[in-house]
């Protein structure tokens, strides 16, 4: 049985079809997405930390570093080494950190960073796994720093 052309169901169907066409046209006219290098930085003094059970990998922005100084450093997980990590971040005027929260290893470092006045963002490690090209802790902290910037 066919629906009459002037029925409310037919009119509703036509309205919905027009609405979908308008949405489709709008979605095609959206500007192309930018690459990671073209995005404007929000947090210029941001760091990325890949927390592990034996080592913490930390990446900071490369601008303002001394000649030959690396933007990535590896720190231990004990209290004195975490204090050194926080001092290094303060020395380089880091104001915010994206930290991959692995197990319980991040808790003490989180407390130390917050006590030093550094804003900490926890990142789910399962979400970070989806980032292409990740191969090592060294690269992970750089990705975190770049994305958090």
C-alpha atoms as a PDB file:
ATOM      1  CA  UNK A   1       0.000   0.000   0.000  1.00  0.00           C
ATOM      2  CA  UNK A   2       1.459   3.345  -1.046  1.00  0.00           C
ATOM      3  CA  UNK A   3       1.434   6.439   1.140  1.00  0.00           C
ATOM      4  CA  UNK A   4      -0.459   9.383  -0.396  1.00  0.00           C
ATOM      5  CA  UNK A   5       1.762  12.250  -1.568  1.00  0.00           C
ATOM      6  CA  UNK A   6       0.131  14.735   0.775  1.00  0.00           C
ATOM      7  CA  UNK A   7       0.237  12.579   3.917  1.00  0.00           C
ATOM      8  CA  UNK A   8       2.070  13.787   7.038  1.00  0.00           C
ATOM      9  CA  UNK A   9       4.522  10.857   6.825  1.00  0.00           C
ATOM     10  CA  UNK A  10       5.526  11.815   3.285  1.00  0.00           C
ATOM     11  CA  UNK A  11       5.946  15.464   4.230  1.00  0.00           C
ATOM     12  CA  UNK A  12       8.060  14.507   7.250  1.00  0.00           C
ATOM     13  CA  UNK A  13      10.209  12.261   5.041  1.00  0.00           C
ATOM     14  CA  UNK A  14      10.807  15.095   2.552  1.00  0.00           C
ATOM     15  CA  UNK A  15      11.710  17.543   5.351  1.00  0.00           C
ATOM     16  CA  UNK A  16      14.225  15.083   6.778  1.00  0.00           C
ATOM     17  CA  UNK A  17      15.732  14.431   3.345  1.00  0.00           C
ATOM     18  CA  UNK A  18      16.216  18.181   2.739  1.00  0.00           C
ATOM     19  CA  UNK A  19      17.727  18.588   6.205  1.00  0.00           C
ATOM     20  CA  UNK A  20      20.243  15.794   5.531  1.00  0.00           C
ATOM     21  CA  UNK A  21      21.170  17.373   2.172  1.00  0.00           C
ATOM     22  CA  UNK A  22      21.845  20.743   3.864  1.00  0.00           C
ATOM     23  CA  UNK A  23      23.978  19.082   6.538  1.00  0.00           C
ATOM     24  CA  UNK A  24      25.923  17.181   3.888  1.00  0.00           C
ATOM     25  CA  UNK A  25      26.606  20.397   1.925  1.00  0.00           C
ATOM     26  CA  UNK A  26      27.785  22.164   5.111  1.00  0.00           C
ATOM     27  CA  UNK A  27      30.098  19.321   6.049  1.00  0.00           C
ATOM     28  CA  UNK A  28      31.778  19.443   2.637  1.00  0.00           C
ATOM     29  CA  UNK A  29      32.351  23.190   2.888  1.00  0.00           C
ATOM     30  CA  UNK A  30      34.271  22.919   6.187  1.00  0.00           C
ATOM     31  CA  UNK A  31      37.901  23.998   5.935  1.00  0.00           C
ATOM     32  CA  UNK A  32      40.397  21.138   5.641  1.00  0.00           C
ATOM     33  CA  UNK A  33      41.876  19.978   8.927  1.00  0.00           C
ATOM     34  CA  UNK A  34      45.294  21.274   9.888  1.00  0.00           C
ATOM     35  CA  UNK A  35      48.356  19.160  10.409  1.00  0.00           C
ATOM     36  CA  UNK A  36      49.913  18.999  13.866  1.00  0.00           C
ATOM     37  CA  UNK A  37      52.622  21.512  12.899  1.00  0.00           C
ATOM     38  CA  UNK A  38      50.032  24.068  11.709  1.00  0.00           C
ATOM     39  CA  UNK A  39      48.043  24.146  14.963  1.00  0.00           C
ATOM     40  CA  UNK A  40      48.484  27.253  17.084  1.00  0.00           C
ATOM     41  CA  UNK A  41      50.061  26.479  20.465  1.00  0.00           C
ATOM     42  CA  UNK A  42      47.923  26.970  23.554  1.00  0.00           C
ATOM     43  CA  UNK A  43      50.411  25.944  26.251  1.00  0.00           C
ATOM     44  CA  UNK A  44      53.824  27.210  25.146  1.00  0.00           C
ATOM     45  CA  UNK A  45      55.555  26.089  28.348  1.00  0.00           C
ATOM     46  CA  UNK A  46      54.196  22.519  28.379  1.00  0.00           C
ATOM     47  CA  UNK A  47      55.983  19.255  29.058  1.00  0.00           C
ATOM     48  CA  UNK A  48      55.111  15.619  28.403  1.00  0.00           C
ATOM     49  CA  UNK A  49      55.934  12.837  30.851  1.00  0.00           C
ATOM     50  CA  UNK A  50      55.795   9.110  30.158  1.00  0.00           C
ATOM     51  CA  UNK A  51      55.643   7.538  33.617  1.00  0.00           C
ATOM     52  CA  UNK A  52      57.087   4.070  34.084  1.00  0.00           C
ATOM     53  CA  UNK A  53      57.889   1.690  36.915  1.00  0.00           C
ATOM     54  CA  UNK A  54      61.659   2.183  36.557  1.00  0.00           C
ATOM     55  CA  UNK A  55      62.086   5.470  34.646  1.00  0.00           C
ATOM     56  CA  UNK A  56      60.229   8.667  33.801  1.00  0.00           C
ATOM     57  CA  UNK A  57      60.805  10.127  30.338  1.00  0.00           C
ATOM     58  CA  UNK A  58      60.271  13.900  30.165  1.00  0.00           C
ATOM     59  CA  UNK A  59      60.083  16.130  27.067  1.00  0.00           C
ATOM     60  CA  UNK A  60      60.064  19.928  27.146  1.00  0.00           C
ATOM     61  CA  UNK A  61      59.969  22.540  24.352  1.00  0.00           C
ATOM     62  CA  UNK A  62      63.297  22.799  22.565  1.00  0.00           C
ATOM     63  CA  UNK A  63      63.327  26.620  22.438  1.00  0.00           C
ATOM     64  CA  UNK A  64      65.558  28.187  25.048  1.00  0.00           C
ATOM     65  CA  UNK A  65      67.763  25.130  25.573  1.00  0.00           C
ATOM     66  CA  UNK A  66      71.525  25.456  25.737  1.00  0.00           C
ATOM     67  CA  UNK A  67      73.537  24.225  22.771  1.00  0.00           C
ATOM     68  CA  UNK A  68      73.806  20.448  22.903  1.00  0.00           C
ATOM     69  CA  UNK A  69      71.137  20.109  25.605  1.00  0.00           C
ATOM     70  CA  UNK A  70      68.447  17.568  24.796  1.00  0.00           C
ATOM     71  CA  UNK A  71      64.740  18.379  25.073  1.00  0.00           C
ATOM     72  CA  UNK A  72      64.180  14.870  26.475  1.00  0.00           C
ATOM     73  CA  UNK A  73      65.598  13.608  29.759  1.00  0.00           C
ATOM     74  CA  UNK A  74      65.210  10.377  31.686  1.00  0.00           C
ATOM     75  CA  UNK A  75      64.738  10.465  35.460  1.00  0.00           C
ATOM     76  CA  UNK A  76      64.450   7.710  38.029  1.00  0.00           C
ATOM     77  CA  UNK A  77      61.344   7.025  40.068  1.00  0.00           C
ATOM     78  CA  UNK A  78      62.607   7.507  43.602  1.00  0.00           C
ATOM     79  CA  UNK A  79      61.806  10.628  45.611  1.00  0.00           C
ATOM     80  CA  UNK A  80      65.166  12.379  45.169  1.00  0.00           C
ATOM     81  CA  UNK A  81      65.076  11.773  41.403  1.00  0.00           C
ATOM     82  CA  UNK A  82      61.517  13.080  41.200  1.00  0.00           C
ATOM     83  CA  UNK A  83      62.626  16.213  43.056  1.00  0.00           C
ATOM     84  CA  UNK A  84      65.369  16.659  40.437  1.00  0.00           C
ATOM     85  CA  UNK A  85      62.750  16.248  37.686  1.00  0.00           C
ATOM     86  CA  UNK A  86      60.543  18.970  39.225  1.00  0.00           C
ATOM     87  CA  UNK A  87      63.553  21.313  39.627  1.00  0.00           C
ATOM     88  CA  UNK A  88      64.486  20.758  35.961  1.00  0.00           C
ATOM     89  CA  UNK A  89      60.941  21.634  34.866  1.00  0.00           C
ATOM     90  CA  UNK A  90      60.954  24.760  37.056  1.00  0.00           C
ATOM     91  CA  UNK A  91      64.364  25.767  35.684  1.00  0.00           C
ATOM     92  CA  UNK A  92      62.852  25.703  32.180  1.00  0.00           C
ATOM     93  CA  UNK A  93      59.717  27.594  33.320  1.00  0.00           C
ATOM     94  CA  UNK A  94      57.319  24.730  32.560  1.00  0.00           C
ATOM     95  CA  UNK A  95      53.822  25.672  33.737  1.00  0.00           C
ATOM     96  CA  UNK A  96      51.809  22.621  32.677  1.00  0.00           C
ATOM     97  CA  UNK A  97      52.428  18.911  32.131  1.00  0.00           C
ATOM     98  CA  UNK A  98      50.605  16.113  30.301  1.00  0.00           C
ATOM     99  CA  UNK A  99      51.415  12.899  32.140  1.00  0.00           C
ATOM    100  CA  UNK A 100      50.576   9.390  31.010  1.00  0.00           C
ATOM    101  CA  UNK A 101      48.994   7.768  34.063  1.00  0.00           C
ATOM    102  CA  UNK A 102      50.384   4.234  34.248  1.00  0.00           C
ATOM    103  CA  UNK A 103      49.318   2.031  37.155  1.00  0.00           C
ATOM    104  CA  UNK A 104      50.049   3.676  40.491  1.00  0.00           C
ATOM    105  CA  UNK A 105      53.476   5.004  39.499  1.00  0.00           C
ATOM    106  CA  UNK A 106      52.194   8.490  38.692  1.00  0.00           C
ATOM    107  CA  UNK A 107      50.756   9.292  42.142  1.00  0.00           C
ATOM    108  CA  UNK A 108      53.849  10.577  43.967  1.00  0.00           C
ATOM    109  CA  UNK A 109      55.096  12.521  40.934  1.00  0.00           C
ATOM    110  CA  UNK A 110      51.656  14.089  40.516  1.00  0.00           C
ATOM    111  CA  UNK A 111      51.741  15.301  44.136  1.00  0.00           C
ATOM    112  CA  UNK A 112      55.240  16.775  43.721  1.00  0.00           C
ATOM    113  CA  UNK A 113      54.330  18.586  40.504  1.00  0.00           C
ATOM    114  CA  UNK A 114      51.158  20.031  41.989  1.00  0.00           C
ATOM    115  CA  UNK A 115      53.012  21.149  45.135  1.00  0.00           C
ATOM    116  CA  UNK A 116      55.476  22.986  42.857  1.00  0.00           C
ATOM    117  CA  UNK A 117      52.601  24.870  41.202  1.00  0.00           C
ATOM    118  CA  UNK A 118      52.747  22.988  37.903  1.00  0.00           C
ATOM    119  CA  UNK A 119      49.345  22.202  36.387  1.00  0.00           C
ATOM    120  CA  UNK A 120      49.055  18.465  35.673  1.00  0.00           C
ATOM    121  CA  UNK A 121      46.826  16.788  33.094  1.00  0.00           C
ATOM    122  CA  UNK A 122      46.520  13.002  33.317  1.00  0.00           C
ATOM    123  CA  UNK A 123      46.313  11.146  30.023  1.00  0.00           C
ATOM    124  CA  UNK A 124      44.775   7.707  29.652  1.00  0.00           C
ATOM    125  CA  UNK A 125      47.514   5.373  28.325  1.00  0.00           C
ATOM    126  CA  UNK A 126      44.945   3.408  26.302  1.00  0.00           C
ATOM    127  CA  UNK A 127      44.001   6.566  24.389  1.00  0.00           C
ATOM    128  CA  UNK A 128      47.649   7.429  23.747  1.00  0.00           C
ATOM    129  CA  UNK A 129      48.280   4.002  22.189  1.00  0.00           C
ATOM    130  CA  UNK A 130      46.184   5.059  19.183  1.00  0.00           C
ATOM    131  CA  UNK A 131      48.692   7.778  18.203  1.00  0.00           C
ATOM    132  CA  UNK A 132      50.506   6.666  15.033  1.00  0.00           C
ATOM    133  CA  UNK A 133      54.245   6.124  14.993  1.00  0.00           C
ATOM    134  CA  UNK A 134      54.690   5.554  18.725  1.00  0.00           C
ATOM    135  CA  UNK A 135      57.539   3.154  19.226  1.00  0.00           C
ATOM    136  CA  UNK A 136      59.236   3.931  22.546  1.00  0.00           C
ATOM    137  CA  UNK A 137      58.988   5.806  25.833  1.00  0.00           C
ATOM    138  CA  UNK A 138      61.349   8.410  24.368  1.00  0.00           C
ATOM    139  CA  UNK A 139      58.902   9.132  21.539  1.00  0.00           C
ATOM    140  CA  UNK A 140      55.833   8.856  23.792  1.00  0.00           C
ATOM    141  CA  UNK A 141      56.884  11.762  25.996  1.00  0.00           C
ATOM    142  CA  UNK A 142      57.604  13.871  22.896  1.00  0.00           C
ATOM    143  CA  UNK A 143      54.134  13.115  21.490  1.00  0.00           C
ATOM    144  CA  UNK A 144      52.551  14.035  24.813  1.00  0.00           C
ATOM    145  CA  UNK A 145      54.491  17.302  24.912  1.00  0.00           C
ATOM    146  CA  UNK A 146      53.645  18.176  21.297  1.00  0.00           C
ATOM    147  CA  UNK A 147      49.943  17.396  21.668  1.00  0.00           C
ATOM    148  CA  UNK A 148      49.679  19.220  24.998  1.00  0.00           C
ATOM    149  CA  UNK A 149      51.354  22.328  23.559  1.00  0.00           C
END
